[in-house]
Amino acid sequence: MAIPEITIYTKDYCPFCIKAKSLLVIKKIKFVEINLRKNPGKFKEMIKKSNGAQSVPQIFSSNRHIGDCDKIHELNSQGKLESFLGL
């Protein structure tokens, strides 16, 4: 089974982005970051993939929408983060 690619769409100076990325780093979960300030063309891609969500961060596992910062912290507190991400 292939390891899912975790992608997180972020913006500079976003405290929720920093919090979400910090959790992934602490959990030693590798991820690809797409900074929307540096890649503004990816904003429409994020909105489409997330069914309209325009806030950051938005987190995906192998193109499956996981949610935002609150969602991954909620999953983590329930002990479900790794399995939800497909790890």
PDB file of N, CA and C in Angstrom:
ATOM      1  N   MET A   1       0.841  -1.185   0.000  1.00  0.00           N
ATOM      2  CA  MET A   1       0.000   0.000   0.000  1.00  0.00           C
ATOM      3  C   MET A   1       0.881   1.240   0.000  1.00  0.00           C
ATOM      4  N   ALA A   2       0.569   2.180  -0.857  1.00  0.00           N
ATOM      5  CA  ALA A   2       1.360   3.407  -0.956  1.00  0.00           C
ATOM      6  C   ALA A   2       1.079   4.322   0.230  1.00  0.00           C
ATOM      7  N   ILE A   3       2.102   5.038   0.644  1.00  0.00           N
ATOM      8  CA  ILE A   3       1.945   6.018   1.713  1.00  0.00           C
ATOM      9  C   ILE A   3       1.222   7.225   1.129  1.00  0.00           C
ATOM     10  N   PRO A   4       0.127   7.664   1.773  1.00  0.00           N
ATOM     11  CA  PRO A   4      -0.606   8.804   1.225  1.00  0.00           C
ATOM     12  C   PRO A   4       0.215  10.088   1.295  1.00  0.00           C
ATOM     13  N   GLU A   5       0.007  10.953   0.320  1.00  0.00           N
ATOM     14  CA  GLU A   5       0.678  12.242   0.339  1.00  0.00           C
ATOM     15  C   GLU A   5      -0.214  13.238   1.078  1.00  0.00           C
ATOM     16  N   ILE A   6       0.319  13.799   2.135  1.00  0.00           N
ATOM     17  CA  ILE A   6      -0.397  14.801   2.919  1.00  0.00           C
ATOM     18  C   ILE A   6      -0.023  16.170   2.356  1.00  0.00           C
ATOM     19  N   THR A   7      -1.035  16.943   1.988  1.00  0.00           N
ATOM     20  CA  THR A   7      -0.835  18.277   1.426  1.00  0.00           C
ATOM     21  C   THR A   7      -1.557  19.272   2.308  1.00  0.00           C
ATOM     22  N   ILE A   8      -0.891  20.387   2.593  1.00  0.00           N
ATOM     23  CA  ILE A   8      -1.503  21.440   3.386  1.00  0.00           C
ATOM     24  C   ILE A   8      -1.336  22.774   2.659  1.00  0.00           C
ATOM     25  N   TYR A   9      -2.453  23.435   2.411  1.00  0.00           N
ATOM     26  CA  TYR A   9      -2.453  24.762   1.795  1.00  0.00           C
ATOM     27  C   TYR A   9      -2.354  25.789   2.919  1.00  0.00           C
ATOM     28  N   THR A  10      -1.407  26.725   2.794  1.00  0.00           N
ATOM     29  CA  THR A  10      -1.143  27.685   3.859  1.00  0.00           C
ATOM     30  C   THR A  10      -0.953  29.091   3.299  1.00  0.00           C
ATOM     31  N   LYS A  11      -0.831  30.034   4.222  1.00  0.00           N
ATOM     32  CA  LYS A  11      -0.405  31.395   3.902  1.00  0.00           C
ATOM     33  C   LYS A  11       0.596  31.823   4.974  1.00  0.00           C
ATOM     34  N   ASP A  12       1.485  32.752   4.598  1.00  0.00           N
ATOM     35  CA  ASP A  12       2.450  33.286   5.556  1.00  0.00           C
ATOM     36  C   ASP A  12       1.719  33.939   6.727  1.00  0.00           C
ATOM     37  N   TYR A  13       2.312  33.840   7.897  1.00  0.00           N
ATOM     38  CA  TYR A  13       1.840  34.520   9.109  1.00  0.00           C
ATOM     39  C   TYR A  13       0.452  34.090   9.559  1.00  0.00           C
ATOM     40  N   CYS A  14       0.006  32.940   9.146  1.00  0.00           N
ATOM     41  CA  CYS A  14      -1.303  32.407   9.555  1.00  0.00           C
ATOM     42  C   CYS A  14      -1.093  31.553  10.806  1.00  0.00           C
ATOM     43  N   PRO A  15      -1.600  31.986  11.961  1.00  0.00           N
ATOM     44  CA  PRO A  15      -1.378  31.212  13.191  1.00  0.00           C
ATOM     45  C   PRO A  15      -1.983  29.815  13.143  1.00  0.00           C
ATOM     46  N   PHE A  16      -3.105  29.648  12.440  1.00  0.00           N
ATOM     47  CA  PHE A  16      -3.719  28.330  12.336  1.00  0.00           C
ATOM     48  C   PHE A  16      -2.891  27.399  11.452  1.00  0.00           C
ATOM     49  N   CYS A  17      -2.269  27.975  10.417  1.00  0.00           N
ATOM     50  CA  CYS A  17      -1.375  27.193   9.556  1.00  0.00           C
ATOM     51  C   CYS A  17      -0.170  26.712  10.356  1.00  0.00           C
ATOM     52  N   ILE A  18       0.394  27.609  11.138  1.00  0.00           N
ATOM     53  CA  ILE A  18       1.555  27.267  11.965  1.00  0.00           C
ATOM     54  C   ILE A  18       1.187  26.174  12.956  1.00  0.00           C
ATOM     55  N   LYS A  19       0.024  26.297  13.582  1.00  0.00           N
ATOM     56  CA  LYS A  19      -0.440  25.302  14.560  1.00  0.00           C
ATOM     57  C   LYS A  19      -0.660  23.936  13.900  1.00  0.00           C
ATOM     58  N   ALA A  20      -1.270  23.936  12.722  1.00  0.00           N
ATOM     59  CA  ALA A  20      -1.520  22.672  12.016  1.00  0.00           C
ATOM     60  C   ALA A  20      -0.206  22.017  11.590  1.00  0.00           C
ATOM     61  N   LYS A  21       0.702  22.813  11.018  1.00  0.00           N
ATOM     62  CA  LYS A  21       1.998  22.266  10.588  1.00  0.00           C
ATOM     63  C   LYS A  21       2.785  21.759  11.791  1.00  0.00           C
ATOM     64  N   SER A  22       2.725  22.477  12.909  1.00  0.00           N
ATOM     65  CA  SER A  22       3.443  22.048  14.113  1.00  0.00           C
ATOM     66  C   SER A  22       2.959  20.687  14.584  1.00  0.00           C
ATOM     67  N   LEU A  23       1.651  20.469  14.547  1.00  0.00           N
ATOM     68  CA  LEU A  23       1.117  19.169  14.951  1.00  0.00           C
ATOM     69  C   LEU A  23       1.654  18.069  14.049  1.00  0.00           C
ATOM     70  N   LEU A  24       1.647  18.304  12.750  1.00  0.00           N
ATOM     71  CA  LEU A  24       2.156  17.299  11.821  1.00  0.00           C
ATOM     72  C   LEU A  24       3.639  17.021  12.060  1.00  0.00           C
ATOM     73  N   VAL A  25       4.408  18.062  12.338  1.00  0.00           N
ATOM     74  CA  VAL A  25       5.837  17.887  12.608  1.00  0.00           C
ATOM     75  C   VAL A  25       6.033  17.085  13.897  1.00  0.00           C
ATOM     76  N   ILE A  26       5.305  17.446  14.963  1.00  0.00           N
ATOM     77  CA  ILE A  26       5.405  16.733  16.246  1.00  0.00           C
ATOM     78  C   ILE A  26       5.062  15.257  16.070  1.00  0.00           C
ATOM     79  N   LYS A  27       4.041  14.979  15.244  1.00  0.00           N
ATOM     80  CA  LYS A  27       3.615  13.595  15.006  1.00  0.00           C
ATOM     81  C   LYS A  27       4.500  12.885  13.980  1.00  0.00           C
ATOM     82  N   LYS A  28       5.507  13.623  13.448  1.00  0.00           N
ATOM     83  CA  LYS A  28       6.422  13.086  12.439  1.00  0.00           C
ATOM     84  C   LYS A  28       5.681  12.618  11.195  1.00  0.00           C
ATOM     85  N   ILE A  29       4.668  13.413  10.799  1.00  0.00           N
ATOM     86  CA  ILE A  29       3.902  13.142   9.589  1.00  0.00           C
ATOM     87  C   ILE A  29       4.432  14.058   8.494  1.00  0.00           C
ATOM     88  N   LYS A  30       4.993  13.473   7.464  1.00  0.00           N
ATOM     89  CA  LYS A  30       5.542  14.262   6.360  1.00  0.00           C
ATOM     90  C   LYS A  30       4.403  14.868   5.550  1.00  0.00           C
ATOM     91  N   PHE A  31       4.634  16.083   5.067  1.00  0.00           N
ATOM     92  CA  PHE A  31       3.611  16.763   4.291  1.00  0.00           C
ATOM     93  C   PHE A  31       4.242  17.671   3.250  1.00  0.00           C
ATOM     94  N   VAL A  32       3.437  17.990   2.237  1.00  0.00           N
ATOM     95  CA  VAL A  32       3.819  18.939   1.205  1.00  0.00           C
ATOM     96  C   VAL A  32       3.041  20.218   1.497  1.00  0.00           C
ATOM     97  N   GLU A  33       3.751  21.332   1.576  1.00  0.00           N
ATOM     98  CA  GLU A  33       3.102  22.611   1.846  1.00  0.00           C
ATOM     99  C   GLU A  33       2.957  23.407   0.547  1.00  0.00           C
ATOM    100  N   ILE A  34       1.763  23.925   0.323  1.00  0.00           N
ATOM    101  CA  ILE A  34       1.515  24.817  -0.803  1.00  0.00           C
ATOM    102  C   ILE A  34       1.165  26.175  -0.211  1.00  0.00           C
ATOM    103  N   ASN A  35       2.117  27.097  -0.303  1.00  0.00           N
ATOM    104  CA  ASN A  35       1.930  28.437   0.238  1.00  0.00           C
ATOM    105  C   ASN A  35       1.195  29.273  -0.812  1.00  0.00           C
ATOM    106  N   LEU A  36      -0.007  29.708  -0.462  1.00  0.00           N
ATOM    107  CA  LEU A  36      -0.849  30.423  -1.420  1.00  0.00           C
ATOM    108  C   LEU A  36      -0.368  31.845  -1.695  1.00  0.00           C
ATOM    109  N   ARG A  37       0.447  32.403  -0.828  1.00  0.00           N
ATOM    110  CA  ARG A  37       1.024  33.722  -1.115  1.00  0.00           C
ATOM    111  C   ARG A  37       2.082  33.603  -2.211  1.00  0.00           C
ATOM    112  N   LYS A  38       2.818  32.499  -2.191  1.00  0.00           N
ATOM    113  CA  LYS A  38       3.854  32.268  -3.193  1.00  0.00           C
ATOM    114  C   LYS A  38       3.296  31.608  -4.450  1.00  0.00           C
ATOM    115  N   ASN A  39       2.151  30.949  -4.320  1.00  0.00           N
ATOM    116  CA  ASN A  39       1.515  30.239  -5.430  1.00  0.00           C
ATOM    117  C   ASN A  39       0.036  30.614  -5.504  1.00  0.00           C
ATOM    118  N   PRO A  40      -0.282  31.885  -5.793  1.00  0.00           N
ATOM    119  CA  PRO A  40      -1.686  32.320  -5.769  1.00  0.00           C
ATOM    120  C   PRO A  40      -2.581  31.585  -6.757  1.00  0.00           C
ATOM    121  N   GLY A  41      -2.011  31.027  -7.791  1.00  0.00           N
ATOM    122  CA  GLY A  41      -2.786  30.258  -8.756  1.00  0.00           C
ATOM    123  C   GLY A  41      -3.359  28.972  -8.181  1.00  0.00           C
ATOM    124  N   LYS A  42      -2.837  28.525  -7.059  1.00  0.00           N
ATOM    125  CA  LYS A  42      -3.308  27.291  -6.420  1.00  0.00           C
ATOM    126  C   LYS A  42      -4.553  27.519  -5.558  1.00  0.00           C
ATOM    127  N   PHE A  43      -4.939  28.799  -5.357  1.00  0.00           N
ATOM    128  CA  PHE A  43      -6.096  29.104  -4.508  1.00  0.00           C
ATOM    129  C   PHE A  43      -7.373  28.476  -5.066  1.00  0.00           C
ATOM    130  N   LYS A  44      -7.603  28.633  -6.368  1.00  0.00           N
ATOM    131  CA  LYS A  44      -8.792  28.042  -6.995  1.00  0.00           C
ATOM    132  C   LYS A  44      -8.759  26.527  -6.900  1.00  0.00           C
ATOM    133  N   GLU A  45      -7.576  25.944  -7.042  1.00  0.00           N
ATOM    134  CA  GLU A  45      -7.418  24.491  -6.902  1.00  0.00           C
ATOM    135  C   GLU A  45      -7.851  24.046  -5.512  1.00  0.00           C
ATOM    136  N   MET A  46      -7.402  24.779  -4.471  1.00  0.00           N
ATOM    137  CA  MET A  46      -7.756  24.437  -3.089  1.00  0.00           C
ATOM    138  C   MET A  46      -9.259  24.527  -2.879  1.00  0.00           C
ATOM    139  N   ILE A  47      -9.876  25.592  -3.382  1.00  0.00           N
ATOM    140  CA  ILE A  47     -11.315  25.777  -3.216  1.00  0.00           C
ATOM    141  C   ILE A  47     -12.082  24.625  -3.866  1.00  0.00           C
ATOM    142  N   LYS A  48     -11.665  24.252  -5.062  1.00  0.00           N
ATOM    143  CA  LYS A  48     -12.333  23.157  -5.768  1.00  0.00           C
ATOM    144  C   LYS A  48     -12.174  21.833  -5.016  1.00  0.00           C
ATOM    145  N   LYS A  49     -10.956  21.538  -4.584  1.00  0.00           N
ATOM    146  CA  LYS A  49     -10.692  20.275  -3.884  1.00  0.00           C
ATOM    147  C   LYS A  49     -11.399  20.196  -2.538  1.00  0.00           C
ATOM    148  N   SER A  50     -11.627  21.364  -1.899  1.00  0.00           N
ATOM    149  CA  SER A  50     -12.222  21.380  -0.564  1.00  0.00           C
ATOM    150  C   SER A  50     -13.722  21.680  -0.588  1.00  0.00           C
ATOM    151  N   ASN A  51     -14.319  21.626  -1.767  1.00  0.00           N
ATOM    152  CA  ASN A  51     -15.755  21.902  -1.912  1.00  0.00           C
ATOM    153  C   ASN A  51     -16.138  23.292  -1.414  1.00  0.00           C
ATOM    154  N   GLY A  52     -15.286  24.280  -1.705  1.00  0.00           N
ATOM    155  CA  GLY A  52     -15.627  25.662  -1.433  1.00  0.00           C
ATOM    156  C   GLY A  52     -14.950  26.325  -0.250  1.00  0.00           C
ATOM    157  N   ALA A  53     -14.185  25.585   0.537  1.00  0.00           N
ATOM    158  CA  ALA A  53     -13.506  26.191   1.688  1.00  0.00           C
ATOM    159  C   ALA A  53     -12.455  27.189   1.201  1.00  0.00           C
ATOM    160  N   GLN A  54     -12.497  28.397   1.753  1.00  0.00           N
ATOM    161  CA  GLN A  54     -11.572  29.441   1.320  1.00  0.00           C
ATOM    162  C   GLN A  54     -10.577  29.831   2.399  1.00  0.00           C
ATOM    163  N   SER A  55     -10.724  29.278   3.596  1.00  0.00           N
ATOM    164  CA  SER A  55      -9.806  29.607   4.681  1.00  0.00           C
ATOM    165  C   SER A  55      -8.621  28.644   4.668  1.00  0.00           C
ATOM    166  N   VAL A  56      -7.538  29.078   5.243  1.00  0.00           N
ATOM    167  CA  VAL A  56      -6.367  28.223   5.383  1.00  0.00           C
ATOM    168  C   VAL A  56      -6.115  27.986   6.863  1.00  0.00           C
ATOM    169  N   PRO A  57      -5.512  26.862   7.174  1.00  0.00           N
ATOM    170  CA  PRO A  57      -5.047  25.819   6.278  1.00  0.00           C
ATOM    171  C   PRO A  57      -6.189  24.905   5.835  1.00  0.00           C
ATOM    172  N   GLN A  58      -5.967  24.253   4.714  1.00  0.00           N
ATOM    173  CA  GLN A  58      -6.821  23.153   4.267  1.00  0.00           C
ATOM    174  C   GLN A  58      -5.881  21.976   4.048  1.00  0.00           C
ATOM    175  N   ILE A  59      -6.263  20.841   4.607  1.00  0.00           N
ATOM    176  CA  ILE A  59      -5.383  19.677   4.637  1.00  0.00           C
ATOM    177  C   ILE A  59      -6.033  18.534   3.872  1.00  0.00           C
ATOM    178  N   PHE A  60      -5.197  17.843   3.091  1.00  0.00           N
ATOM    179  CA  PHE A  60      -5.649  16.743   2.251  1.00  0.00           C
ATOM    180  C   PHE A  60      -4.726  15.543   2.441  1.00  0.00           C
ATOM    181  N   SER A  61      -5.302  14.364   2.312  1.00  0.00           N
ATOM    182  CA  SER A  61      -4.537  13.123   2.310  1.00  0.00           C
ATOM    183  C   SER A  61      -4.847  12.418   0.999  1.00  0.00           C
ATOM    184  N   SER A  62      -3.848  12.362   0.120  1.00  0.00           N
ATOM    185  CA  SER A  62      -4.031  11.763  -1.214  1.00  0.00           C
ATOM    186  C   SER A  62      -5.269  12.340  -1.898  1.00  0.00           C
ATOM    187  N   ASN A  63      -5.367  13.658  -1.891  1.00  0.00           N
ATOM    188  CA  ASN A  63      -6.457  14.417  -2.511  1.00  0.00           C
ATOM    189  C   ASN A  63      -7.800  14.270  -1.812  1.00  0.00           C
ATOM    190  N   ARG A  64      -7.865  13.549  -0.699  1.00  0.00           N
ATOM    191  CA  ARG A  64      -9.094  13.466   0.105  1.00  0.00           C
ATOM    192  C   ARG A  64      -9.085  14.613   1.104  1.00  0.00           C
ATOM    193  N   HIS A  65     -10.119  15.426   1.112  1.00  0.00           N
ATOM    194  CA  HIS A  65     -10.164  16.593   1.990  1.00  0.00           C
ATOM    195  C   HIS A  65     -10.324  16.154   3.444  1.00  0.00           C
ATOM    196  N   ILE A  66      -9.394  16.586   4.276  1.00  0.00           N
ATOM    197  CA  ILE A  66      -9.444  16.285   5.703  1.00  0.00           C
ATOM    198  C   ILE A  66     -10.140  17.420   6.442  1.00  0.00           C
ATOM    199  N   GLY A  67      -9.727  18.658   6.142  1.00  0.00           N
ATOM    200  CA  GLY A  67     -10.325  19.806   6.811  1.00  0.00           C
ATOM    201  C   GLY A  67      -9.280  20.838   7.179  1.00  0.00           C
ATOM    202  N   ASP A  68      -9.588  21.579   8.240  1.00  0.00           N
ATOM    203  CA  ASP A  68      -8.734  22.687   8.659  1.00  0.00           C
ATOM    204  C   ASP A  68      -7.962  22.346   9.924  1.00  0.00           C
ATOM    205  N   CYS A  69      -7.392  23.359  10.534  1.00  0.00           N
ATOM    206  CA  CYS A  69      -6.591  23.191  11.742  1.00  0.00           C
ATOM    207  C   CYS A  69      -7.405  22.562  12.877  1.00  0.00           C
ATOM    208  N   ASP A  70      -8.608  23.080  13.086  1.00  0.00           N
ATOM    209  CA  ASP A  70      -9.457  22.534  14.157  1.00  0.00           C
ATOM    210  C   ASP A  70      -9.742  21.057  13.932  1.00  0.00           C
ATOM    211  N   LYS A  71      -9.977  20.678  12.690  1.00  0.00           N
ATOM    212  CA  LYS A  71     -10.318  19.289  12.381  1.00  0.00           C
ATOM    213  C   LYS A  71      -9.160  18.339  12.687  1.00  0.00           C
ATOM    214  N   ILE A  72      -7.929  18.691  12.294  1.00  0.00           N
ATOM    215  CA  ILE A  72      -6.838  17.748  12.573  1.00  0.00           C
ATOM    216  C   ILE A  72      -6.514  17.699  14.063  1.00  0.00           C
ATOM    217  N   HIS A  73      -6.696  18.809  14.775  1.00  0.00           N
ATOM    218  CA  HIS A  73      -6.484  18.773  16.226  1.00  0.00           C
ATOM    219  C   HIS A  73      -7.581  17.958  16.917  1.00  0.00           C
ATOM    220  N   GLU A  74      -8.799  18.060  16.419  1.00  0.00           N
ATOM    221  CA  GLU A  74      -9.897  17.249  16.954  1.00  0.00           C
ATOM    222  C   GLU A  74      -9.613  15.764  16.730  1.00  0.00           C
ATOM    223  N   LEU A  75      -9.219  15.413  15.508  1.00  0.00           N
ATOM    224  CA  LEU A  75      -8.885  14.015  15.210  1.00  0.00           C
ATOM    225  C   LEU A  75      -7.746  13.523  16.092  1.00  0.00           C
ATOM    226  N   ASN A  76      -6.740  14.379  16.301  1.00  0.00           N
ATOM    227  CA  ASN A  76      -5.605  13.996  17.131  1.00  0.00           C
ATOM    228  C   ASN A  76      -6.041  13.757  18.576  1.00  0.00           C
ATOM    229  N   SER A  77      -6.877  14.637  19.111  1.00  0.00           N
ATOM    230  CA  SER A  77      -7.312  14.484  20.507  1.00  0.00           C
ATOM    231  C   SER A  77      -8.165  13.235  20.694  1.00  0.00           C
ATOM    232  N   GLN A  78      -8.799  12.774  19.615  1.00  0.00           N
ATOM    233  CA  GLN A  78      -9.591  11.540  19.657  1.00  0.00           C
ATOM    234  C   GLN A  78      -8.740  10.301  19.369  1.00  0.00           C
ATOM    235  N   GLY A  79      -7.449  10.507  19.075  1.00  0.00           N
ATOM    236  CA  GLY A  79      -6.574   9.387  18.756  1.00  0.00           C
ATOM    237  C   GLY A  79      -6.816   8.804  17.376  1.00  0.00           C
ATOM    238  N   LYS A  80      -7.429   9.591  16.488  1.00  0.00           N
ATOM    239  CA  LYS A  80      -7.812   9.093  15.160  1.00  0.00           C
ATOM    240  C   LYS A  80      -7.039   9.724  14.009  1.00  0.00           C
ATOM    241  N   LEU A  81      -6.098  10.619  14.292  1.00  0.00           N
ATOM    242  CA  LEU A  81      -5.457  11.379  13.222  1.00  0.00           C
ATOM    243  C   LEU A  81      -4.747  10.496  12.210  1.00  0.00           C
ATOM    244  N   GLU A  82      -3.878   9.612  12.668  1.00  0.00           N
ATOM    245  CA  GLU A  82      -3.094   8.794  11.745  1.00  0.00           C
ATOM    246  C   GLU A  82      -3.974   7.910  10.884  1.00  0.00           C
ATOM    247  N   SER A  83      -4.981   7.277  11.496  1.00  0.00           N
ATOM    248  CA  SER A  83      -5.846   6.391  10.704  1.00  0.00           C
ATOM    249  C   SER A  83      -6.705   7.196   9.725  1.00  0.00           C
ATOM    250  N   PHE A  84      -7.156   8.391  10.127  1.00  0.00           N
ATOM    251  CA  PHE A  84      -7.945   9.237   9.245  1.00  0.00           C
ATOM    252  C   PHE A  84      -7.131   9.705   8.052  1.00  0.00           C
ATOM    253  N   LEU A  85      -5.835   9.968   8.280  1.00  0.00           N
ATOM    254  CA  LEU A  85      -4.939  10.376   7.200  1.00  0.00           C
ATOM    255  C   LEU A  85      -4.536   9.200   6.319  1.00  0.00           C
ATOM    256  N   GLY A  86      -4.850   7.993   6.760  1.00  0.00           N
ATOM    257  CA  GLY A  86      -4.504   6.811   5.982  1.00  0.00           C
ATOM    258  C   GLY A  86      -3.089   6.318   6.241  1.00  0.00           C
ATOM    259  N   LEU A  87      -2.562   6.649   7.407  1.00  0.00           N
ATOM    260  CA  LEU A  87      -1.184   6.253   7.754  1.00  0.00           C
ATOM    261  C   LEU A  87      -1.178   5.000   8.609  1.00  0.00           C
TER     262      LEU A  87
END
